[in-house]
Protein backbone atom coordinates (compact mmCIF):
# COMPACT_ATOMS: atom_id res chain seq x y z
CA UNK A 1 -24.40 2.29 17.45
CA UNK A 2 -22.63 -0.32 15.34
CA UNK A 3 -21.29 -3.50 16.85
CA UNK A 4 -19.09 -6.24 15.51
CA UNK A 5 -20.83 -8.74 13.23
CA UNK A 6 -19.99 -12.34 12.39
CA UNK A 7 -19.58 -13.70 8.88
CA UNK A 8 -21.44 -16.94 9.51
CA UNK A 9 -21.87 -17.81 5.84
CA UNK A 10 -18.20 -17.16 5.05
CA UNK A 11 -16.95 -18.91 8.18
CA UNK A 12 -17.05 -17.15 11.55
CA UNK A 13 -13.85 -17.07 13.59
CA UNK A 14 -14.04 -18.42 17.14
CA UNK A 15 -12.21 -15.76 19.14
CA UNK A 16 -10.63 -16.23 22.55
CA UNK A 17 -13.20 -14.19 24.49
CA UNK A 18 -15.98 -16.21 22.84
CA UNK A 19 -14.34 -19.48 23.90
CA UNK A 20 -14.31 -18.25 27.50
CA UNK A 21 -17.92 -17.13 27.28
CA UNK A 22 -18.95 -20.51 25.87
CA UNK A 23 -17.07 -22.30 28.66
CA UNK A 24 -19.09 -20.39 31.24
CA UNK A 25 -22.35 -20.99 29.34
CA UNK A 26 -21.71 -24.74 29.03
CA UNK A 27 -20.64 -25.18 32.67
CA UNK A 28 -23.43 -23.05 34.08
CA UNK A 29 -26.22 -24.55 31.96
CA UNK A 30 -25.20 -28.04 33.07
CA UNK A 31 -25.30 -26.92 36.73
CA UNK A 32 -28.63 -25.19 36.07
CA UNK A 33 -30.20 -28.46 34.87
CA UNK A 34 -28.73 -30.54 37.70
CA UNK A 35 -29.88 -28.00 40.33
CA UNK A 36 -33.40 -27.75 38.91
CA UNK A 37 -33.81 -31.53 38.65
CA UNK A 38 -32.76 -32.59 42.17
CA UNK A 39 -36.09 -33.34 43.84
CA UNK A 40 -36.47 -37.12 44.33
CA UNK A 41 -40.23 -36.92 43.71
CA UNK A 42 -39.77 -34.94 40.47
CA UNK A 43 -40.44 -36.78 37.21
CA UNK A 44 -40.50 -33.91 34.70
CA UNK A 45 -38.81 -30.54 34.19
CA UNK A 46 -40.06 -28.05 31.61
CA UNK A 47 -38.00 -25.10 30.41
CA UNK A 48 -37.76 -22.71 27.50
CA UNK A 49 -34.41 -21.62 26.07
CA UNK A 50 -34.39 -18.48 23.96
CA UNK A 51 -31.24 -17.78 21.97
CA UNK A 52 -31.98 -14.28 20.73
CA UNK A 53 -28.84 -13.84 18.61
CA UNK A 54 -28.23 -17.48 17.69
CA UNK A 55 -26.00 -17.07 14.64
CA UNK A 56 -25.12 -20.00 12.39
CA UNK A 57 -24.34 -22.45 15.20
CA UNK A 58 -20.91 -23.62 13.97
CA UNK A 59 -17.65 -21.68 13.72
CA UNK A 60 -15.11 -22.13 10.93
CA UNK A 61 -12.96 -24.31 13.20
CA UNK A 62 -15.90 -26.62 13.90
CA UNK A 63 -16.50 -25.23 17.40
CA UNK A 64 -20.06 -25.17 18.67
CA UNK A 65 -21.98 -21.93 18.91
CA UNK A 66 -24.50 -21.39 21.72
CA UNK A 67 -27.48 -23.20 20.04
CA UNK A 68 -25.46 -26.40 19.67
CA UNK A 69 -24.01 -26.00 23.17
CA UNK A 70 -27.53 -25.90 24.61
CA UNK A 71 -28.60 -29.05 22.75
CA UNK A 72 -25.36 -30.88 23.53
CA UNK A 73 -25.64 -30.10 27.25
CA UNK A 74 -29.30 -31.13 27.29
CA UNK A 75 -28.38 -34.52 25.80
CA UNK A 76 -25.40 -35.22 28.06
CA UNK A 77 -26.93 -33.87 31.27
CA UNK A 78 -30.25 -35.66 30.75
CA UNK A 79 -28.31 -38.92 30.53
CA UNK A 80 -26.15 -37.97 33.54
CA UNK A 81 -29.16 -37.07 35.70
CA UNK A 82 -30.98 -40.30 34.96
CA UNK A 83 -27.93 -42.51 35.52
CA UNK A 84 -27.62 -40.96 38.97
CA UNK A 85 -31.35 -41.33 39.65
CA UNK A 86 -31.19 -44.99 38.66
CA UNK A 87 -28.35 -45.52 41.16
CA UNK A 88 -30.56 -44.04 43.86
CA UNK A 89 -33.55 -46.18 42.89
CA UNK A 90 -35.55 -43.17 41.68
CA UNK A 91 -37.86 -42.98 38.70
CA UNK A 92 -36.34 -41.44 35.54
CA UNK A 93 -36.83 -37.72 34.98
CA UNK A 94 -37.97 -36.28 31.67
CA UNK A 95 -36.82 -32.90 30.38
CA UNK A 96 -39.14 -31.02 28.04
CA UNK A 97 -37.48 -28.07 26.29
CA UNK A 98 -38.92 -25.42 24.01
CA UNK A 99 -35.90 -24.11 22.09
CA UNK A 100 -36.36 -20.73 20.38
CA UNK A 101 -33.59 -19.82 17.93
CA UNK A 102 -33.58 -16.35 16.40
CA UNK A 103 -31.23 -14.46 14.10
CA UNK A 104 -31.99 -11.29 12.19
CA UNK A 105 -30.64 -12.75 8.89
CA UNK A 106 -32.84 -15.37 7.20
CA UNK A 107 -29.94 -17.06 5.39
CA UNK A 108 -28.11 -17.48 8.71
CA UNK A 109 -31.21 -19.11 10.22
CA UNK A 110 -31.27 -21.54 7.26
CA UNK A 111 -27.62 -22.34 7.95
CA UNK A 112 -28.43 -22.81 11.64
CA UNK A 113 -31.19 -25.31 10.81
CA UNK A 114 -28.68 -27.44 8.92
CA UNK A 115 -26.07 -27.23 11.66
CA UNK A 116 -28.36 -28.18 14.56
CA UNK A 117 -30.06 -31.00 12.66
CA UNK A 118 -27.56 -33.80 13.59
CA UNK A 119 -27.71 -32.95 17.31
CA UNK A 120 -31.50 -32.70 17.31
CA UNK A 121 -31.60 -36.11 15.63
CA UNK A 122 -29.36 -37.47 18.38
CA UNK A 123 -31.63 -35.92 21.02
CA UNK A 124 -34.59 -37.84 19.59
CA UNK A 125 -32.86 -41.09 20.60
CA UNK A 126 -32.79 -40.00 24.27
CA UNK A 127 -35.95 -41.46 25.79
CA UNK A 128 -36.27 -38.90 28.60
CA UNK A 129 -35.55 -35.79 26.48
CA UNK A 130 -38.00 -33.90 24.26
CA UNK A 131 -36.92 -30.77 22.37
CA UNK A 132 -39.37 -28.66 20.37
CA UNK A 133 -37.55 -26.15 18.17
CA UNK A 134 -38.97 -22.87 16.91
CA UNK A 135 -36.95 -20.83 14.42
CA UNK A 136 -37.55 -17.14 13.79
CA UNK A 137 -35.78 -14.31 12.02
CA UNK A 138 -35.88 -10.66 13.04
CA UNK A 139 -34.46 -7.95 15.26
CA UNK A 140 -34.79 -9.33 18.78
CA UNK A 141 -36.44 -6.26 20.28
CA UNK A 142 -39.14 -6.46 17.58
CA UNK A 143 -39.71 -10.19 17.73
CA UNK A 144 -39.59 -10.48 21.55
CA UNK A 145 -43.37 -9.83 22.04
CA UNK A 146 -44.17 -12.79 19.76
CA UNK A 147 -41.70 -15.01 21.61
CA UNK A 148 -43.24 -13.97 24.92
CA UNK A 149 -46.73 -14.75 23.63
CA UNK A 150 -45.69 -18.24 22.55
CA UNK A 151 -44.02 -19.03 25.87
CA UNK A 152 -47.06 -17.78 27.76
CA UNK A 153 -49.43 -19.86 25.64
CA UNK A 154 -47.30 -22.96 26.15
CA UNK A 155 -47.25 -22.22 29.92
CA UNK A 156 -43.49 -22.35 30.34
CA UNK A 157 -42.53 -20.99 33.75
CA UNK A 158 -38.78 -21.61 33.59
CA UNK A 159 -37.08 -19.47 30.95
CA UNK A 160 -33.41 -19.09 30.06
CA UNK A 161 -32.53 -16.24 27.68
CA UNK A 162 -29.13 -16.06 25.96
CA UNK A 163 -28.72 -12.59 24.46
CA UNK A 164 -25.27 -12.58 22.88
CA UNK A 165 -25.24 -9.41 20.82
CA UNK A 166 -22.63 -7.30 19.09
CA UNK A 167 -24.09 -3.86 19.83
CA UNK A 168 -25.82 -2.91 23.08
CA UNK A 169 -28.78 -0.97 21.72
CA UNK A 170 -30.62 -4.05 20.45
CA UNK A 171 -31.57 -5.22 23.95
CA UNK A 172 -32.54 -2.39 26.26
CA UNK A 173 -32.98 -2.50 30.02
CA UNK A 174 -36.81 -2.40 29.73
CA UNK A 175 -36.74 -5.71 27.81
CA UNK A 176 -34.44 -7.32 30.39
CA UNK A 177 -36.69 -6.04 33.17
CA UNK A 178 -39.80 -7.35 31.39
CA UNK A 179 -38.27 -10.82 31.08
CA UNK A 180 -37.43 -10.91 34.78
CA UNK A 181 -40.88 -9.66 35.81
CA UNK A 182 -42.84 -11.87 33.42
CA UNK A 183 -41.60 -15.24 34.69
CA UNK A 184 -41.10 -16.41 38.27
CA UNK A 185 -38.00 -18.39 37.26
CA UNK A 186 -36.09 -16.36 34.68
CA UNK A 187 -32.40 -16.12 33.91
CA UNK A 188 -30.57 -14.07 31.30
CA UNK A 189 -27.06 -14.13 29.89
CA UNK A 190 -26.35 -10.75 28.29
CA UNK A 191 -23.16 -10.26 26.28
CA UNK A 192 -22.13 -6.89 24.87
CA UNK A 193 -19.17 -4.67 24.07
CA UNK A 194 -18.67 -2.22 26.89
CA UNK A 195 -17.85 0.63 24.49
CA UNK A 196 -21.28 0.15 22.91
CA UNK A 197 -22.92 0.58 26.32
CA UNK A 198 -20.79 3.62 27.13
CA UNK A 199 -21.65 5.19 23.77
CA UNK A 200 -25.33 4.47 24.41
CA UNK A 201 -25.14 6.28 27.76
CA UNK A 202 -22.86 9.08 26.56
CA UNK A 203 -24.09 12.71 26.84
CA UNK A 204 -23.38 13.04 23.11
CA UNK A 205 -25.44 10.00 22.17
CA UNK A 206 -28.64 10.49 20.15
CA UNK A 207 -30.09 7.31 21.66
CA UNK A 208 -32.72 7.18 24.36
CA UNK A 209 -30.27 6.35 27.10
CA UNK A 210 -31.53 6.70 30.64
CA UNK A 211 -30.66 9.91 32.52
CA UNK A 212 -27.51 9.68 34.62
CA UNK A 213 -25.93 11.92 37.22
CA UNK A 214 -23.46 14.52 35.87
CA UNK A 215 -20.54 12.80 37.64
CA UNK A 216 -21.39 9.47 36.00
CA UNK A 217 -21.65 11.09 32.57
CA UNK A 218 -18.25 12.71 33.05
CA UNK A 219 -16.76 9.31 33.84
CA UNK A 220 -18.35 7.85 30.71
CA UNK A 221 -16.90 10.62 28.55
CA UNK A 222 -13.45 10.11 30.06
CA UNK A 223 -13.56 6.36 29.44
CA UNK A 224 -14.62 6.82 25.82
CA UNK A 225 -11.87 9.37 25.13
CA UNK A 226 -9.09 7.24 26.62
CA UNK A 227 -10.47 3.77 25.89
CA UNK A 228 -7.79 2.70 23.41
CA UNK A 229 -4.94 3.53 25.77
CA UNK A 230 -6.35 2.35 29.11
CA UNK A 231 -8.75 -0.51 28.24
CA UNK A 232 -6.28 -3.06 29.58
CA UNK A 233 -5.76 -1.24 32.87
CA UNK A 234 -7.51 -1.90 36.18
CA UNK A 235 -8.85 1.68 36.25
CA UNK A 236 -10.84 0.98 33.09
CA UNK A 237 -12.32 -2.21 34.52
CA UNK A 238 -13.22 -0.51 37.81
CA UNK A 239 -15.07 2.42 36.23
CA UNK A 240 -16.70 0.35 33.48
CA UNK A 241 -18.00 -2.24 35.94
CA UNK A 242 -19.50 0.44 38.16
CA UNK A 243 -21.24 2.05 35.18
CA UNK A 244 -22.59 -1.24 33.81
CA UNK A 245 -23.88 -2.27 37.23
CA UNK A 246 -25.37 1.17 37.91
CA UNK A 247 -27.29 1.07 34.63
CA UNK A 248 -28.57 -2.51 34.89
CA UNK A 249 -28.74 -3.34 38.62
CA UNK A 250 -32.48 -2.62 38.85
CA UNK A 251 -33.31 -5.13 36.11
CA UNK A 252 -33.15 -8.13 38.46
CA UNK A 253 -32.64 -9.04 42.09
CA UNK A 254 -29.30 -10.68 41.26
CA UNK A 255 -27.02 -9.09 38.69
CA UNK A 256 -23.43 -10.17 37.97
CA UNK A 257 -21.60 -7.30 36.21
CA UNK A 258 -18.32 -9.05 35.39
CA UNK A 259 -16.06 -8.61 32.37
CA UNK A 260 -14.71 -11.44 30.23
CA UNK A 261 -10.95 -11.77 30.65
CA UNK A 262 -9.32 -10.92 27.34
CA UNK A 263 -5.66 -10.20 26.43
CA UNK A 264 -6.67 -7.13 24.43
CA UNK A 265 -8.42 -5.47 27.36
CA UNK A 266 -11.67 -5.40 29.29
CA UNK A 267 -13.98 -4.85 26.32
CA UNK A 268 -16.50 -7.73 26.36
CA UNK A 269 -19.01 -8.05 29.18
CA UNK A 270 -21.01 -11.15 30.13
CA UNK A 271 -23.72 -10.27 32.64
CA UNK A 272 -25.99 -12.74 34.39
CA UNK A 273 -29.46 -11.77 35.62
CA UNK A 274 -31.54 -14.00 37.89
CA UNK A 275 -34.56 -13.98 40.17
CA UNK A 276 -33.10 -16.43 42.69
CA UNK A 277 -30.12 -16.20 45.04
CA UNK A 278 -29.46 -19.87 44.31
CA UNK A 279 -28.81 -19.02 40.65
CA UNK A 280 -26.24 -16.38 41.63
CA UNK A 281 -24.68 -18.79 44.12
CA UNK A 282 -24.21 -21.46 41.46
CA UNK A 283 -23.02 -18.87 38.93
CA UNK A 284 -20.31 -17.59 41.30
CA UNK A 285 -19.07 -21.14 41.88
CA UNK A 286 -18.93 -21.81 38.13
CA UNK A 287 -16.91 -18.62 37.57
CA UNK A 288 -14.33 -19.83 40.07
CA UNK A 289 -14.00 -23.12 38.17
CA UNK A 290 -13.66 -21.40 34.80
CA UNK A 291 -11.56 -18.38 35.79
CA UNK A 292 -12.80 -16.60 32.68
CA UNK A 293 -14.16 -13.38 34.17
CA UNK A 294 -12.81 -10.44 36.15
CA UNK A 295 -14.09 -8.04 38.80
CA UNK A 296 -12.61 -4.93 40.37
CA UNK A 297 -13.73 -3.82 43.81
CA UNK A 298 -14.19 -5.54 47.14
CA UNK A 299 -13.82 -9.30 47.33
CA UNK A 300 -16.24 -9.90 50.20
CA UNK A 301 -19.78 -8.58 50.58
CA UNK A 302 -20.92 -5.29 49.02
CA UNK A 303 -18.37 -5.77 46.27
CA UNK A 304 -18.87 -2.37 44.59
CA UNK A 305 -19.14 -0.28 47.75
CA UNK A 306 -15.56 0.83 48.14
CA UNK A 307 -13.40 3.93 48.33
CA UNK A 308 -11.30 4.01 45.11
CA UNK A 309 -8.61 6.03 46.90
CA UNK A 310 -7.76 3.28 49.39
CA UNK A 311 -9.78 0.16 48.54
CA UNK A 312 -10.46 -2.17 45.66
CA UNK A 313 -8.51 -4.95 44.00
CA UNK A 314 -8.53 -7.08 40.88
CA UNK A 315 -10.52 -10.27 41.46
CA UNK A 316 -9.84 -12.99 38.85
CA UNK A 317 -11.87 -15.84 40.40
CA UNK A 318 -8.65 -17.79 41.08
CA UNK A 319 -6.96 -19.20 44.16
CA UNK A 320 -5.47 -15.85 45.21
CA UNK A 321 -8.85 -14.16 44.80
CA UNK A 322 -10.52 -16.76 47.00
CA UNK A 323 -7.98 -16.16 49.75
CA UNK A 324 -8.60 -12.42 49.54
CA UNK A 325 -12.35 -13.06 49.71
CA UNK A 326 -12.00 -15.17 52.85
CA UNK A 327 -10.03 -12.42 54.54
CA UNK A 328 -12.70 -9.85 53.70
CA UNK A 329 -15.62 -12.14 54.57
CA UNK A 330 -14.25 -12.81 58.05
CA UNK A 331 -15.18 -9.26 59.06
CA UNK A 332 -17.96 -8.62 56.53
CA UNK A 333 -20.27 -11.44 57.64
CA UNK A 334 -20.52 -10.66 61.39
CA UNK A 335 -20.82 -6.96 60.60
CA UNK A 336 -23.64 -7.74 58.15
CA UNK A 337 -25.51 -9.84 60.73
CA UNK A 338 -24.99 -7.18 63.42
CA UNK A 339 -26.63 -4.60 61.16
CA UNK A 340 -29.75 -6.81 61.18
CA UNK A 341 -29.73 -7.28 64.98
CA UNK A 342 -27.94 -10.38 66.15
CA UNK A 343 -29.46 -13.16 64.04
CA UNK A 344 -31.16 -13.90 60.72
CA UNK A 345 -32.07 -16.99 58.77
CA UNK A 346 -29.51 -18.36 56.34
CA UNK A 347 -32.09 -17.83 53.60
CA UNK A 348 -32.31 -14.13 54.45
CA UNK A 349 -28.53 -13.94 54.55
CA UNK A 350 -28.22 -15.59 51.12
CA UNK A 351 -30.80 -13.28 49.55
CA UNK A 352 -29.01 -10.17 50.81
CA UNK A 353 -25.40 -11.31 50.48
CA UNK A 354 -25.61 -12.76 46.98
CA UNK A 355 -27.04 -9.56 45.55
CA UNK A 356 -23.49 -8.19 45.57
CA UNK A 357 -20.61 -10.59 46.13
CA UNK A 358 -18.16 -12.48 43.88
CA UNK A 359 -17.35 -15.03 46.62
CA UNK A 360 -17.53 -18.82 46.26
CA UNK A 361 -20.25 -20.50 48.34
CA UNK A 362 -17.74 -22.84 50.01
CA UNK A 363 -15.66 -19.87 51.16
CA UNK A 364 -18.70 -18.14 52.65
CA UNK A 365 -19.66 -21.27 54.56
CA UNK A 366 -16.09 -21.93 55.67
CA UNK A 367 -15.69 -18.44 57.10
CA UNK A 368 -19.03 -18.62 58.89
CA UNK A 369 -17.99 -21.84 60.63
CA UNK A 370 -14.46 -20.67 61.47
CA UNK A 371 -15.43 -17.19 62.67
CA UNK A 372 -15.17 -16.92 66.45
CA UNK A 373 -18.09 -14.50 66.58
CA UNK A 374 -20.58 -16.57 64.54
CA UNK A 375 -22.62 -19.73 65.01
CA UNK A 376 -25.21 -21.57 62.92
CA UNK A 377 -28.28 -22.95 64.71
CA UNK A 378 -30.45 -25.70 63.21
CA UNK A 379 -34.25 -25.65 63.23
CA UNK A 380 -34.21 -28.05 66.20
CA UNK A 381 -31.89 -25.77 68.18
CA UNK A 382 -28.63 -27.65 67.64
CA UNK A 383 -25.37 -26.17 66.39
CA UNK A 384 -23.87 -26.89 62.99
CA UNK A 385 -20.36 -28.33 63.17
CA UNK A 386 -19.49 -28.65 59.46
CA UNK A 387 -19.69 -26.06 56.69
CA UNK A 388 -21.15 -28.45 54.10
CA UNK A 389 -24.19 -29.19 56.28
CA UNK A 390 -25.51 -25.61 56.45
CA UNK A 391 -29.09 -25.27 55.20
CA UNK A 392 -31.20 -22.22 54.18
CA UNK A 393 -33.57 -23.00 57.07
CA UNK A 394 -30.76 -22.60 59.65
CA UNK A 395 -30.20 -19.43 61.68
CA UNK A 396 -26.99 -17.41 61.43
CA UNK A 397 -26.31 -15.85 64.81
CA UNK A 398 -23.72 -13.70 66.58
CA UNK A 399 -22.44 -15.48 69.68
CA UNK A 400 -23.41 -14.06 73.05
CA UNK A 401 -19.76 -13.76 74.06
CA UNK A 402 -18.23 -11.50 71.44
CA UNK A 403 -14.60 -11.00 70.49
CA UNK A 404 -12.67 -7.73 70.26
CA UNK A 405 -14.07 -7.36 66.72
CA UNK A 406 -17.13 -5.59 68.09
CA UNK A 407 -15.02 -3.13 70.04
CA UNK A 408 -13.68 -1.80 66.71
CA UNK A 409 -16.68 -1.49 64.35
CA UNK A 410 -14.65 0.00 61.49
CA UNK A 411 -12.18 -2.91 61.38
CA UNK A 412 -12.18 -4.79 58.10
CA UNK A 413 -13.20 -1.96 55.78
CA UNK A 414 -9.80 -2.01 54.08
CA UNK A 415 -9.93 -4.52 51.23
CA UNK A 416 -6.60 -4.00 49.56
């Protein structure tokens, strides 16, 4: 399978879908650092960033590639965190980062060294930031064991992999699964062309694609045959998202299978894999700020469990999508709790709900508080009155006096 390659030495073009992807990466990585560095007693945070397909770092227009984005965000967010801590009278927090930059072409790695040098020099002037950089050159799937060995030896427990590839075959699901299983706190950004994945899974492919049901393989064949004519249509997005999620959902507890919005069609996918519901929660919120991705299916809970004949809609992480999500969540949440009995902890709810929802965290909390059938109980037995005060240790409960909702258990399944 052959994917698109970048001419880094001749001057790589910064395309629109890449700009959107970089916006998400920048916004999310900043939120990642802020979220992981919130404990007042914390004085150090250690993480490893692995950019498996780093490229040359700078585009022809001067725009930053992912390696420079990581360093730039580390510099700015380290300063931001410590300004805020100083305001609160807290001790400064140091960030120690092991930055692994890999590209299969040696000359591109040499170019990358030159391009990251000014930012790394700037980082050295930040007292509370230490970046150790390791450069390597090779096919990622071949060099991954060595990277894993180094991270294990250095005892890094927080790892952030950015795997922005042109073809899908270079990073297989076993590698993604190994990353997730090898570290307690692991997150992965995986970018690929959806046609590369479909080709990889196709019945006619000579690759070692995983076995799929006959119906799924028929869908893949149909998408490949008609891809040029229907790639911009909702039907393409719906089927492609289901296939991508079906193939990769078992790689992590939290998998976001959303496409990058692109005028030429739904062809580039940016998937996020995480071990924590909190990561998915933050990621969803970032997507609503950026508006750079798209989903087709349900807008509430169980986003891909829908009847294509009467359900499903285009979700663009915008204002209209949030309103649709609220409408769906109003019925989804009490039904979800009822399936568990009549109560469960907010932590349990988050773990289950965020495994398959595109909804913003504020919308979920707002609907919980406004729903006439729900209440949130604190650890001390009191009732929450405001959505922004809900904590994971609280209990989400169905009220003893129920509304007519429970007389009609199928109400709310239509998400049109």
